[in-house]
Amino acid sequence: MNRKIIVNIVVALLASISVILVINSVVKEKVSLSNLLEKDALELIIVGVTVNAICIFIDGFKLRLLLTSLKENISYIDALEACIVYSFFSAITPSSMGGQPFQIYFLTKKGVKSENATNIIIFRTFEYLMIVMGIDIYALIFVLPHLPQWNIGKTMLILGFASSLLSTFLTWLAMAKPDLFKYIIVKLKKIKKLENFVGRWEERAYMWIDNLKLSFYELWKNKKIIFTDFSLMLVLILIYSYLLFLPIVGLTGLKINFLSFFSIQILLSSLASYIPTPGASGGIEAVFYTFFKASAFSPKSLLLGITIYRIVTYYSIILLGIPLVFKNRKLLIKG
């Protein structure tokens, strides 16, 4: 396996574990390995990993559905592996930024046209952000007004909404105005040090951007497929939220309904995902703990619930991704 990938995996794991240990050091009660091996915790982990695996299978189906609509001949296994590659490289790169480029690269190596692969990834990102934006607006109107007076928790929610709004706008801009990429190329070419470099691939880049525009148009014509994919995306987001809701509420006795919890978690995740550690490791744990600790009856149980969630949605993905990366090591190292 590529040495850089191994280093990223180690750094990601150490960063996440370190923050959990720091949180442990400032609370009276500690979470130990024995706590994770208790019956209730093990059951939550097993259920969570199983549900997470089902979500990955659904995501593979979604990806293949979109690619098929663009007349790309890709097997379900390749689509499934592309989804795992996305999650894996999101987990080991700063601010989860590596997942999308690696997924595009992986798909192109499986025979998908690069403009179609890019189109799908941008569309899926936009789709996710639009759902998140709707949830955020609901939270701001119906959830935040009922929270206690202004505190760090509510400030975190507002920052999460702002980051979500910015991300949605930039992604929409990339889809609606792909010619902006041409404008950027023209500006780059005016820089003397880049003139020769840009000139070598300028014509091909313009052709690729035109193909990307056609790909966008072709995808948006398939209204039924877009609706199906959108609906499944919403289901997956709800399930992933429930994977945090289940251990936190089950272990801490937190008095909150799922819809309110779901809205708050999405806002917090929008903020935490920009923390510049591999996969936002450590940062997500800290953000969730900081917000919910005032309402939880037991800091220990809260931290245990968050740790279970991260095992299910983060550490298990790294463990699943390692053999897949090893299987495709020649393709990845070459890239």
C-alpha atoms as a PDB file:
ATOM      1  CA  MET A   1       0.000   0.000   0.000  1.00  0.00           C
ATOM      2  CA  ASN A   2       1.175   3.566  -0.706  1.00  0.00           C
ATOM      3  CA  ARG A   3       3.223   4.924   2.209  1.00  0.00           C
ATOM      4  CA  LYS A   4       1.321   8.231   2.183  1.00  0.00           C
ATOM      5  CA  ILE A   5      -1.987   6.401   2.563  1.00  0.00           C
ATOM      6  CA  ILE A   6      -0.626   4.458   5.548  1.00  0.00           C
ATOM      7  CA  VAL A   7       0.589   7.702   7.161  1.00  0.00           C
ATOM      8  CA  ASN A   8      -2.828   9.318   6.648  1.00  0.00           C
ATOM      9  CA  ILE A   9      -4.580   6.329   8.222  1.00  0.00           C
ATOM     10  CA  VAL A  10      -2.315   6.458  11.300  1.00  0.00           C
ATOM     11  CA  VAL A  11      -2.684  10.243  11.654  1.00  0.00           C
ATOM     12  CA  ALA A  12      -6.476  10.021  11.305  1.00  0.00           C
ATOM     13  CA  LEU A  13      -6.763   7.355  13.987  1.00  0.00           C
ATOM     14  CA  LEU A  14      -4.378   9.126  16.370  1.00  0.00           C
ATOM     15  CA  ALA A  15      -6.151  12.484  15.941  1.00  0.00           C
ATOM     16  CA  SER A  16      -9.570  11.036  16.696  1.00  0.00           C
ATOM     17  CA  ILE A  17      -8.384   8.942  19.638  1.00  0.00           C
ATOM     18  CA  SER A  18      -6.385  11.880  21.046  1.00  0.00           C
ATOM     19  CA  VAL A  19      -9.420  14.178  21.194  1.00  0.00           C
ATOM     20  CA  ILE A  20     -11.473  11.454  22.879  1.00  0.00           C
ATOM     21  CA  LEU A  21      -8.700  11.086  25.460  1.00  0.00           C
ATOM     22  CA  VAL A  22      -8.589  14.869  25.981  1.00  0.00           C
ATOM     23  CA  ILE A  23     -12.360  14.957  26.554  1.00  0.00           C
ATOM     24  CA  ASN A  24     -11.975  12.015  28.922  1.00  0.00           C
ATOM     25  CA  SER A  25      -9.367  13.949  30.892  1.00  0.00           C
ATOM     26  CA  VAL A  26     -11.675  16.885  31.633  1.00  0.00           C
ATOM     27  CA  VAL A  27     -14.748  14.935  32.756  1.00  0.00           C
ATOM     28  CA  LYS A  28     -15.099  13.224  36.094  1.00  0.00           C
ATOM     29  CA  GLU A  29     -16.050   9.833  34.696  1.00  0.00           C
ATOM     30  CA  LYS A  30     -13.943   8.079  32.078  1.00  0.00           C
ATOM     31  CA  VAL A  31     -14.820   5.840  29.113  1.00  0.00           C
ATOM     32  CA  SER A  32     -12.636   2.750  28.939  1.00  0.00           C
ATOM     33  CA  LEU A  33     -12.329  -0.240  26.651  1.00  0.00           C
ATOM     34  CA  SER A  34     -14.264  -2.294  29.192  1.00  0.00           C
ATOM     35  CA  ASN A  35     -17.201   0.126  28.809  1.00  0.00           C
ATOM     36  CA  LEU A  36     -17.233  -0.527  25.065  1.00  0.00           C
ATOM     37  CA  LEU A  37     -17.223  -4.269  25.706  1.00  0.00           C
ATOM     38  CA  GLU A  38     -20.290  -4.162  27.955  1.00  0.00           C
ATOM     39  CA  LYS A  39     -23.404  -5.833  26.598  1.00  0.00           C
ATOM     40  CA  ASP A  40     -25.411  -2.667  25.859  1.00  0.00           C
ATOM     41  CA  ALA A  41     -22.482  -0.973  24.108  1.00  0.00           C
ATOM     42  CA  LEU A  42     -21.612  -4.078  22.066  1.00  0.00           C
ATOM     43  CA  GLU A  43     -25.214  -4.461  20.938  1.00  0.00           C
ATOM     44  CA  LEU A  44     -25.296  -0.827  19.817  1.00  0.00           C
ATOM     45  CA  ILE A  45     -22.019  -1.285  17.926  1.00  0.00           C
ATOM     46  CA  ILE A  46     -23.208  -4.459  16.181  1.00  0.00           C
ATOM     47  CA  VAL A  47     -26.549  -2.907  15.215  1.00  0.00           C
ATOM     48  CA  GLY A  48     -24.832   0.280  14.065  1.00  0.00           C
ATOM     49  CA  VAL A  49     -22.219  -1.496  11.924  1.00  0.00           C
ATOM     50  CA  THR A  50     -24.944  -3.637  10.335  1.00  0.00           C
ATOM     51  CA  VAL A  51     -27.104  -0.622   9.517  1.00  0.00           C
ATOM     52  CA  ASN A  52     -24.078   1.282   8.215  1.00  0.00           C
ATOM     53  CA  ALA A  53     -23.252  -1.626   5.894  1.00  0.00           C
ATOM     54  CA  ILE A  54     -26.823  -1.572   4.539  1.00  0.00           C
ATOM     55  CA  CYS A  55     -26.466   2.172   3.913  1.00  0.00           C
ATOM     56  CA  ILE A  56     -23.294   1.571   1.891  1.00  0.00           C
ATOM     57  CA  PHE A  57     -25.118  -1.018  -0.253  1.00  0.00           C
ATOM     58  CA  ILE A  58     -27.924   1.501  -0.856  1.00  0.00           C
ATOM     59  CA  ASP A  59     -25.383   4.184  -1.737  1.00  0.00           C
ATOM     60  CA  GLY A  60     -23.790   1.849  -4.279  1.00  0.00           C
ATOM     61  CA  PHE A  61     -27.199   1.335  -5.863  1.00  0.00           C
ATOM     62  CA  LYS A  62     -27.735   5.122  -5.983  1.00  0.00           C
ATOM     63  CA  LEU A  63     -24.401   5.723  -7.643  1.00  0.00           C
ATOM     64  CA  ARG A  64     -24.945   3.025 -10.282  1.00  0.00           C
ATOM     65  CA  LEU A  65     -28.443   4.368 -10.973  1.00  0.00           C
ATOM     66  CA  LEU A  66     -27.080   7.828 -11.765  1.00  0.00           C
ATOM     67  CA  LEU A  67     -24.206   6.487 -13.864  1.00  0.00           C
ATOM     68  CA  THR A  68     -26.566   4.239 -15.825  1.00  0.00           C
ATOM     69  CA  SER A  69     -28.742   7.269 -16.596  1.00  0.00           C
ATOM     70  CA  LEU A  70     -25.683   8.750 -18.331  1.00  0.00           C
ATOM     71  CA  LYS A  71     -25.246   5.519 -20.308  1.00  0.00           C
ATOM     72  CA  GLU A  72     -22.172   4.470 -18.352  1.00  0.00           C
ATOM     73  CA  ASN A  73     -21.724   0.709 -18.237  1.00  0.00           C
ATOM     74  CA  ILE A  74     -20.500   0.053 -14.709  1.00  0.00           C
ATOM     75  CA  SER A  75     -21.119  -2.956 -12.495  1.00  0.00           C
ATOM     76  CA  TYR A  76     -22.788  -2.711  -9.106  1.00  0.00           C
ATOM     77  CA  ILE A  77     -19.607  -4.012  -7.433  1.00  0.00           C
ATOM     78  CA  ASP A  78     -17.527  -1.221  -8.982  1.00  0.00           C
ATOM     79  CA  ALA A  79     -20.115   1.363  -7.906  1.00  0.00           C
ATOM     80  CA  LEU A  80     -20.107  -0.100  -4.401  1.00  0.00           C
ATOM     81  CA  GLU A  81     -16.304   0.003  -4.239  1.00  0.00           C
ATOM     82  CA  ALA A  82     -16.372   3.622  -5.434  1.00  0.00           C
ATOM     83  CA  CYS A  83     -18.638   4.512  -2.506  1.00  0.00           C
ATOM     84  CA  ILE A  84     -16.308   2.780  -0.050  1.00  0.00           C
ATOM     85  CA  VAL A  85     -13.308   4.559  -1.616  1.00  0.00           C
ATOM     86  CA  TYR A  86     -15.130   7.872  -1.134  1.00  0.00           C
ATOM     87  CA  SER A  87     -15.834   7.180   2.545  1.00  0.00           C
ATOM     88  CA  PHE A  88     -12.346   5.817   3.177  1.00  0.00           C
ATOM     89  CA  PHE A  89     -10.431   8.746   1.699  1.00  0.00           C
ATOM     90  CA  SER A  90     -12.837  11.196   3.337  1.00  0.00           C
ATOM     91  CA  ALA A  91     -11.885   9.562   6.637  1.00  0.00           C
ATOM     92  CA  ILE A  92      -8.121   9.905   6.179  1.00  0.00           C
ATOM     93  CA  THR A  93      -7.811  13.334   4.522  1.00  0.00           C
ATOM     94  CA  PRO A  94      -8.056  16.811   6.145  1.00  0.00           C
ATOM     95  CA  SER A  95     -11.620  18.122   6.447  1.00  0.00           C
ATOM     96  CA  SER A  96     -12.813  15.019   4.550  1.00  0.00           C
ATOM     97  CA  MET A  97     -11.709  16.657   1.286  1.00  0.00           C
ATOM     98  CA  GLY A  98     -10.090  13.617  -0.334  1.00  0.00           C
ATOM     99  CA  GLY A  99     -13.171  11.456  -0.807  1.00  0.00           C
ATOM    100  CA  GLN A 100     -14.618  13.144  -3.885  1.00  0.00           C
ATOM    101  CA  PRO A 101     -11.392  13.484  -5.937  1.00  0.00           C
ATOM    102  CA  PHE A 102     -10.477   9.875  -5.214  1.00  0.00           C
ATOM    103  CA  GLN A 103     -13.974   8.696  -6.135  1.00  0.00           C
ATOM    104  CA  ILE A 104     -13.781  10.563  -9.461  1.00  0.00           C
ATOM    105  CA  TYR A 105     -10.353   9.084 -10.132  1.00  0.00           C
ATOM    106  CA  PHE A 106     -11.531   5.583  -9.179  1.00  0.00           C
ATOM    107  CA  LEU A 107     -14.564   5.807 -11.478  1.00  0.00           C
ATOM    108  CA  THR A 108     -12.491   7.013 -14.431  1.00  0.00           C
ATOM    109  CA  LYS A 109     -10.152   4.046 -13.947  1.00  0.00           C
ATOM    110  CA  LYS A 110     -13.237   1.808 -14.097  1.00  0.00           C
ATOM    111  CA  GLY A 111     -14.103   3.198 -17.524  1.00  0.00           C
ATOM    112  CA  VAL A 112     -16.409   6.111 -16.634  1.00  0.00           C
ATOM    113  CA  LYS A 113     -15.867   9.322 -18.620  1.00  0.00           C
ATOM    114  CA  SER A 114     -14.227  11.908 -16.389  1.00  0.00           C
ATOM    115  CA  GLU A 115     -16.874  14.549 -17.136  1.00  0.00           C
ATOM    116  CA  ASN A 116     -19.660  12.124 -16.167  1.00  0.00           C
ATOM    117  CA  ALA A 117     -17.847  11.078 -12.992  1.00  0.00           C
ATOM    118  CA  THR A 118     -17.340  14.732 -12.060  1.00  0.00           C
ATOM    119  CA  ASN A 119     -20.963  15.529 -12.871  1.00  0.00           C
ATOM    120  CA  ILE A 120     -22.228  12.738 -10.621  1.00  0.00           C
ATOM    121  CA  ILE A 121     -20.023  13.759  -7.703  1.00  0.00           C
ATOM    122  CA  ILE A 122     -20.993  17.435  -7.972  1.00  0.00           C
ATOM    123  CA  PHE A 123     -24.668  16.487  -8.295  1.00  0.00           C
ATOM    124  CA  ARG A 124     -24.565  14.168  -5.285  1.00  0.00           C
ATOM    125  CA  THR A 125     -22.839  16.861  -3.255  1.00  0.00           C
ATOM    126  CA  PHE A 126     -25.413  19.457  -4.303  1.00  0.00           C
ATOM    127  CA  GLU A 127     -28.243  17.038  -3.572  1.00  0.00           C
ATOM    128  CA  TYR A 128     -26.895  16.375  -0.076  1.00  0.00           C
ATOM    129  CA  LEU A 129     -26.364  20.073   0.612  1.00  0.00           C
ATOM    130  CA  MET A 130     -29.883  20.965  -0.559  1.00  0.00           C
ATOM    131  CA  ILE A 131     -31.375  18.440   1.862  1.00  0.00           C
ATOM    132  CA  VAL A 132     -29.127  19.749   4.624  1.00  0.00           C
ATOM    133  CA  MET A 133     -30.157  23.316   3.799  1.00  0.00           C
ATOM    134  CA  GLY A 134     -33.838  22.405   4.114  1.00  0.00           C
ATOM    135  CA  ILE A 135     -33.183  20.735   7.463  1.00  0.00           C
ATOM    136  CA  ASP A 136     -31.144  23.716   8.633  1.00  0.00           C
ATOM    137  CA  ILE A 137     -33.929  26.163   7.769  1.00  0.00           C
ATOM    138  CA  TYR A 138     -36.420  23.975   9.648  1.00  0.00           C
ATOM    139  CA  ALA A 139     -34.100  23.960  12.658  1.00  0.00           C
ATOM    140  CA  LEU A 140     -33.658  27.734  12.619  1.00  0.00           C
ATOM    141  CA  ILE A 141     -37.422  28.303  12.514  1.00  0.00           C
ATOM    142  CA  PHE A 142     -38.785  25.530  14.734  1.00  0.00           C
ATOM    143  CA  VAL A 143     -35.902  24.238  16.904  1.00  0.00           C
ATOM    144  CA  LEU A 144     -33.562  27.091  17.818  1.00  0.00           C
ATOM    145  CA  PRO A 145     -36.311  29.361  19.249  1.00  0.00           C
ATOM    146  CA  HIS A 146     -37.071  26.674  21.843  1.00  0.00           C
ATOM    147  CA  LEU A 147     -33.479  26.191  22.971  1.00  0.00           C
ATOM    148  CA  PRO A 148     -32.203  27.932  26.133  1.00  0.00           C
ATOM    149  CA  GLN A 149     -30.842  31.474  25.967  1.00  0.00           C
ATOM    150  CA  TRP A 150     -27.900  32.202  23.694  1.00  0.00           C
ATOM    151  CA  ASN A 151     -24.883  30.109  24.552  1.00  0.00           C
ATOM    152  CA  ILE A 152     -21.959  28.425  22.800  1.00  0.00           C
ATOM    153  CA  GLY A 153     -24.244  25.647  21.617  1.00  0.00           C
ATOM    154  CA  LYS A 154     -26.579  27.963  19.751  1.00  0.00           C
ATOM    155  CA  THR A 155     -23.641  29.905  18.309  1.00  0.00           C
ATOM    156  CA  MET A 156     -22.269  26.631  16.961  1.00  0.00           C
ATOM    157  CA  LEU A 157     -25.585  25.974  15.232  1.00  0.00           C
ATOM    158  CA  ILE A 158     -25.560  29.386  13.533  1.00  0.00           C
ATOM    159  CA  LEU A 159     -21.979  28.855  12.330  1.00  0.00           C
ATOM    160  CA  GLY A 160     -23.002  25.437  11.010  1.00  0.00           C
ATOM    161  CA  PHE A 161     -25.844  27.015   9.033  1.00  0.00           C
ATOM    162  CA  ALA A 162     -23.524  29.671   7.582  1.00  0.00           C
ATOM    163  CA  SER A 163     -21.007  27.057   6.408  1.00  0.00           C
ATOM    164  CA  SER A 164     -23.821  24.969   4.914  1.00  0.00           C
ATOM    165  CA  LEU A 165     -25.195  27.995   3.053  1.00  0.00           C
ATOM    166  CA  LEU A 166     -21.783  28.832   1.587  1.00  0.00           C
ATOM    167  CA  SER A 167     -21.114  25.229   0.499  1.00  0.00           C
ATOM    168  CA  THR A 168     -24.520  24.948  -1.171  1.00  0.00           C
ATOM    169  CA  PHE A 169     -24.013  28.191  -3.096  1.00  0.00           C
ATOM    170  CA  LEU A 170     -20.548  27.230  -4.365  1.00  0.00           C
ATOM    171  CA  THR A 171     -21.732  23.770  -5.457  1.00  0.00           C
ATOM    172  CA  TRP A 172     -24.758  25.246  -7.239  1.00  0.00           C
ATOM    173  CA  LEU A 173     -22.451  27.721  -8.978  1.00  0.00           C
ATOM    174  CA  ALA A 174     -20.273  24.879 -10.274  1.00  0.00           C
ATOM    175  CA  MET A 175     -23.347  23.140 -11.724  1.00  0.00           C
ATOM    176  CA  ALA A 176     -25.203  26.169 -13.065  1.00  0.00           C
ATOM    177  CA  LYS A 177     -22.219  28.070 -14.462  1.00  0.00           C
ATOM    178  CA  PRO A 178     -19.513  25.605 -15.546  1.00  0.00           C
ATOM    179  CA  ASP A 179     -18.180  28.258 -17.942  1.00  0.00           C
ATOM    180  CA  LEU A 180     -16.745  29.938 -14.858  1.00  0.00           C
ATOM    181  CA  PHE A 181     -13.993  27.324 -15.078  1.00  0.00           C
ATOM    182  CA  LYS A 182     -13.066  28.787 -18.473  1.00  0.00           C
ATOM    183  CA  TYR A 183     -12.907  32.228 -16.902  1.00  0.00           C
ATOM    184  CA  ILE A 184     -10.540  30.897 -14.247  1.00  0.00           C
ATOM    185  CA  ILE A 185      -8.329  29.335 -16.929  1.00  0.00           C
ATOM    186  CA  VAL A 186      -8.132  32.662 -18.795  1.00  0.00           C
ATOM    187  CA  LYS A 187      -7.096  34.434 -15.585  1.00  0.00           C
ATOM    188  CA  LEU A 188      -4.489  31.794 -14.786  1.00  0.00           C
ATOM    189  CA  LYS A 189      -3.019  32.088 -18.271  1.00  0.00           C
ATOM    190  CA  LYS A 190      -2.352  35.782 -17.662  1.00  0.00           C
ATOM    191  CA  ILE A 191       0.086  34.844 -14.894  1.00  0.00           C
ATOM    192  CA  LYS A 192       3.487  34.721 -16.582  1.00  0.00           C
ATOM    193  CA  LYS A 193       4.791  31.750 -14.587  1.00  0.00           C
ATOM    194  CA  LEU A 194       1.709  29.722 -15.523  1.00  0.00           C
ATOM    195  CA  GLU A 195       1.264  30.835 -19.133  1.00  0.00           C
ATOM    196  CA  ASN A 196       3.145  27.963 -20.780  1.00  0.00           C
ATOM    197  CA  PHE A 197       1.757  25.371 -18.382  1.00  0.00           C
ATOM    198  CA  VAL A 198      -1.862  26.454 -18.881  1.00  0.00           C
ATOM    199  CA  GLY A 199      -1.377  26.791 -22.636  1.00  0.00           C
ATOM    200  CA  ARG A 200      -0.449  23.113 -22.971  1.00  0.00           C
ATOM    201  CA  TRP A 201      -3.819  21.841 -21.787  1.00  0.00           C
ATOM    202  CA  GLU A 202      -6.068  24.904 -22.328  1.00  0.00           C
ATOM    203  CA  GLU A 203      -7.831  23.570 -25.437  1.00  0.00           C
ATOM    204  CA  ARG A 204      -8.486  20.155 -23.920  1.00  0.00           C
ATOM    205  CA  ALA A 205      -9.782  21.810 -20.752  1.00  0.00           C
ATOM    206  CA  TYR A 206     -12.285  23.888 -22.727  1.00  0.00           C
ATOM    207  CA  MET A 207     -13.504  20.766 -24.527  1.00  0.00           C
ATOM    208  CA  TRP A 208     -13.839  18.930 -21.207  1.00  0.00           C
ATOM    209  CA  ILE A 209     -15.871  21.781 -19.701  1.00  0.00           C
ATOM    210  CA  ASP A 210     -18.224  21.716 -22.709  1.00  0.00           C
ATOM    211  CA  ASN A 211     -18.648  17.961 -22.239  1.00  0.00           C
ATOM    212  CA  LEU A 212     -19.339  18.545 -18.548  1.00  0.00           C
ATOM    213  CA  LYS A 213     -22.134  20.998 -19.450  1.00  0.00           C
ATOM    214  CA  LEU A 214     -23.704  18.390 -21.738  1.00  0.00           C
ATOM    215  CA  SER A 215     -23.422  15.808 -18.967  1.00  0.00           C
ATOM    216  CA  PHE A 216     -25.210  18.126 -16.516  1.00  0.00           C
ATOM    217  CA  TYR A 217     -27.996  18.648 -19.054  1.00  0.00           C
ATOM    218  CA  GLU A 218     -28.354  14.920 -19.716  1.00  0.00           C
ATOM    219  CA  LEU A 219     -28.580  14.055 -16.023  1.00  0.00           C
ATOM    220  CA  TRP A 220     -31.171  16.703 -15.166  1.00  0.00           C
ATOM    221  CA  LYS A 221     -33.459  15.411 -17.936  1.00  0.00           C
ATOM    222  CA  ASN A 222     -34.020  12.204 -15.949  1.00  0.00           C
ATOM    223  CA  LYS A 223     -36.535  13.570 -13.433  1.00  0.00           C
ATOM    224  CA  LYS A 224     -37.630  10.159 -12.139  1.00  0.00           C
ATOM    225  CA  ILE A 225     -34.072   9.068 -11.438  1.00  0.00           C
ATOM    226  CA  ILE A 226     -33.276  12.379  -9.740  1.00  0.00           C
ATOM    227  CA  PHE A 227     -36.383  12.066  -7.571  1.00  0.00           C
ATOM    228  CA  THR A 228     -35.502   8.462  -6.651  1.00  0.00           C
ATOM    229  CA  ASP A 229     -31.925   9.384  -5.829  1.00  0.00           C
ATOM    230  CA  PHE A 230     -33.038  12.420  -3.820  1.00  0.00           C
ATOM    231  CA  SER A 231     -35.493  10.316  -1.807  1.00  0.00           C
ATOM    232  CA  LEU A 232     -32.870   7.661  -1.057  1.00  0.00           C
ATOM    233  CA  MET A 233     -30.376  10.366  -0.056  1.00  0.00           C
ATOM    234  CA  LEU A 234     -32.878  11.721   2.473  1.00  0.00           C
ATOM    235  CA  VAL A 235     -33.426   8.219   3.859  1.00  0.00           C
ATOM    236  CA  LEU A 236     -29.660   7.709   4.242  1.00  0.00           C
ATOM    237  CA  ILE A 237     -29.215  11.049   6.021  1.00  0.00           C
ATOM    238  CA  LEU A 238     -32.016  10.128   8.437  1.00  0.00           C
ATOM    239  CA  ILE A 239     -30.447   6.731   9.106  1.00  0.00           C
ATOM    240  CA  TYR A 240     -26.983   8.179   9.756  1.00  0.00           C
ATOM    241  CA  SER A 241     -28.506  10.642  12.204  1.00  0.00           C
ATOM    242  CA  TYR A 242     -30.337   7.814  13.952  1.00  0.00           C
ATOM    243  CA  LEU A 243     -27.000   6.009  14.357  1.00  0.00           C
ATOM    244  CA  LEU A 244     -25.986   8.862  16.688  1.00  0.00           C
ATOM    245  CA  PHE A 245     -29.427   9.351  18.225  1.00  0.00           C
ATOM    246  CA  LEU A 246     -29.722   5.706  19.270  1.00  0.00           C
ATOM    247  CA  PRO A 247     -26.589   5.442  21.484  1.00  0.00           C
ATOM    248  CA  ILE A 248     -26.802   8.972  22.919  1.00  0.00           C
ATOM    249  CA  VAL A 249     -30.483   8.858  23.878  1.00  0.00           C
ATOM    250  CA  GLY A 250     -30.333   5.179  24.800  1.00  0.00           C
ATOM    251  CA  LEU A 251     -27.353   5.591  27.120  1.00  0.00           C
ATOM    252  CA  THR A 252     -27.871   9.100  28.544  1.00  0.00           C
ATOM    253  CA  GLY A 253     -31.650   9.372  28.807  1.00  0.00           C
ATOM    254  CA  LEU A 254     -31.513  12.683  26.907  1.00  0.00           C
ATOM    255  CA  LYS A 255     -35.038  14.081  26.577  1.00  0.00           C
ATOM    256  CA  ILE A 256     -35.325  15.101  22.941  1.00  0.00           C
ATOM    257  CA  ASN A 257     -37.426  13.898  20.018  1.00  0.00           C
ATOM    258  CA  PHE A 258     -35.688  12.504  16.945  1.00  0.00           C
ATOM    259  CA  LEU A 259     -36.720  15.311  14.578  1.00  0.00           C
ATOM    260  CA  SER A 260     -35.212  17.987  16.837  1.00  0.00           C
ATOM    261  CA  PHE A 261     -32.112  15.881  17.438  1.00  0.00           C
ATOM    262  CA  PHE A 262     -31.802  15.251  13.702  1.00  0.00           C
ATOM    263  CA  SER A 263     -31.998  18.983  12.918  1.00  0.00           C
ATOM    264  CA  ILE A 264     -29.406  19.884  15.549  1.00  0.00           C
ATOM    265  CA  GLN A 265     -27.012  17.141  14.467  1.00  0.00           C
ATOM    266  CA  ILE A 266     -27.109  18.243  10.821  1.00  0.00           C
ATOM    267  CA  LEU A 267     -26.276  21.823  11.803  1.00  0.00           C
ATOM    268  CA  LEU A 268     -23.442  20.662  14.047  1.00  0.00           C
ATOM    269  CA  SER A 269     -22.086  18.331  11.366  1.00  0.00           C
ATOM    270  CA  SER A 270     -22.021  21.217   8.864  1.00  0.00           C
ATOM    271  CA  LEU A 271     -19.681  23.031  11.237  1.00  0.00           C
ATOM    272  CA  ALA A 272     -17.600  20.066  12.407  1.00  0.00           C
ATOM    273  CA  SER A 273     -16.851  18.764   8.904  1.00  0.00           C
ATOM    274  CA  TYR A 274     -14.582  21.756   8.227  1.00  0.00           C
ATOM    275  CA  ILE A 275     -12.259  20.995  11.128  1.00  0.00           C
ATOM    276  CA  PRO A 276      -8.846  20.474   9.406  1.00  0.00           C
ATOM    277  CA  THR A 277      -8.062  17.019  10.740  1.00  0.00           C
ATOM    278  CA  PRO A 278      -8.326  13.761   8.751  1.00  0.00           C
ATOM    279  CA  GLY A 279     -12.032  13.050   8.367  1.00  0.00           C
ATOM    280  CA  ALA A 280     -12.647  15.868  10.885  1.00  0.00           C
ATOM    281  CA  SER A 281     -11.475  13.225  13.362  1.00  0.00           C
ATOM    282  CA  GLY A 282     -11.644  14.384  16.931  1.00  0.00           C
ATOM    283  CA  GLY A 283     -13.456  17.557  15.949  1.00  0.00           C
ATOM    284  CA  ILE A 284     -16.820  15.903  15.440  1.00  0.00           C
ATOM    285  CA  GLU A 285     -16.550  14.200  18.828  1.00  0.00           C
ATOM    286  CA  ALA A 286     -15.651  17.501  20.494  1.00  0.00           C
ATOM    287  CA  VAL A 287     -18.459  19.466  18.799  1.00  0.00           C
ATOM    288  CA  PHE A 288     -21.159  16.919  19.689  1.00  0.00           C
ATOM    289  CA  TYR A 289     -19.887  16.568  23.248  1.00  0.00           C
ATOM    290  CA  THR A 290     -19.703  20.338  23.787  1.00  0.00           C
ATOM    291  CA  PHE A 291     -23.262  20.880  22.587  1.00  0.00           C
ATOM    292  CA  PHE A 292     -25.043  17.975  24.307  1.00  0.00           C
ATOM    293  CA  LYS A 293     -23.155  17.852  27.623  1.00  0.00           C
ATOM    294  CA  ALA A 294     -25.426  20.483  29.245  1.00  0.00           C
ATOM    295  CA  SER A 295     -28.512  18.328  28.610  1.00  0.00           C
ATOM    296  CA  ALA A 296     -27.055  14.863  29.246  1.00  0.00           C
ATOM    297  CA  PHE A 297     -27.438  13.301  32.677  1.00  0.00           C
ATOM    298  CA  SER A 298     -24.048  11.583  32.465  1.00  0.00           C
ATOM    299  CA  PRO A 299     -20.954  12.952  30.638  1.00  0.00           C
ATOM    300  CA  LYS A 300     -19.543   9.435  30.653  1.00  0.00           C
ATOM    301  CA  SER A 301     -22.596   7.976  28.922  1.00  0.00           C
ATOM    302  CA  LEU A 302     -22.626  10.855  26.438  1.00  0.00           C
ATOM    303  CA  LEU A 303     -18.995  10.293  25.517  1.00  0.00           C
ATOM    304  CA  LEU A 304     -19.601   6.550  25.296  1.00  0.00           C
ATOM    305  CA  GLY A 305     -22.519   7.130  22.907  1.00  0.00           C
ATOM    306  CA  ILE A 306     -20.451   9.466  20.710  1.00  0.00           C
ATOM    307  CA  THR A 307     -17.574   6.972  20.692  1.00  0.00           C
ATOM    308  CA  ILE A 308     -19.923   4.185  19.602  1.00  0.00           C
ATOM    309  CA  TYR A 309     -21.216   6.402  16.787  1.00  0.00           C
ATOM    310  CA  ARG A 310     -17.672   7.093  15.591  1.00  0.00           C
ATOM    311  CA  ILE A 311     -16.770   3.406  15.732  1.00  0.00           C
ATOM    312  CA  VAL A 312     -19.788   2.616  13.590  1.00  0.00           C
ATOM    313  CA  THR A 313     -19.447   5.419  11.027  1.00  0.00           C
ATOM    314  CA  TYR A 314     -15.701   6.140  11.044  1.00  0.00           C
ATOM    315  CA  TYR A 315     -13.368   3.459  12.378  1.00  0.00           C
ATOM    316  CA  SER A 316     -15.343   0.663  10.707  1.00  0.00           C
ATOM    317  CA  ILE A 317     -15.046   2.496   7.363  1.00  0.00           C
ATOM    318  CA  ILE A 318     -11.259   2.661   7.723  1.00  0.00           C
ATOM    319  CA  LEU A 319     -11.133  -1.049   8.540  1.00  0.00           C
ATOM    320  CA  LEU A 320     -13.387  -1.819   5.554  1.00  0.00           C
ATOM    321  CA  GLY A 321     -11.423   0.447   3.240  1.00  0.00           C
ATOM    322  CA  ILE A 322      -7.944  -0.921   3.987  1.00  0.00           C
ATOM    323  CA  PRO A 323      -8.427  -4.274   2.167  1.00  0.00           C
ATOM    324  CA  LEU A 324     -10.182  -2.467  -0.709  1.00  0.00           C
ATOM    325  CA  VAL A 325      -7.292  -0.024  -1.078  1.00  0.00           C
ATOM    326  CA  PHE A 326      -4.872  -2.953  -0.930  1.00  0.00           C
ATOM    327  CA  LYS A 327      -6.871  -4.711  -3.662  1.00  0.00           C
ATOM    328  CA  ASN A 328      -6.649  -1.618  -5.875  1.00  0.00           C
ATOM    329  CA  ARG A 329      -3.150  -0.598  -4.735  1.00  0.00           C
ATOM    330  CA  LYS A 330      -1.650  -0.571  -8.249  1.00  0.00           C
ATOM    331  CA  LEU A 331      -4.416   1.716  -9.529  1.00  0.00           C
ATOM    332  CA  LEU A 332      -4.133   4.097  -6.535  1.00  0.00           C
ATOM    333  CA  ILE A 333      -0.343   4.212  -6.357  1.00  0.00           C
ATOM    334  CA  LYS A 334      -0.146   4.872 -10.084  1.00  0.00           C
ATOM    335  CA  GLY A 335      -2.535   7.816  -9.593  1.00  0.00           C
END
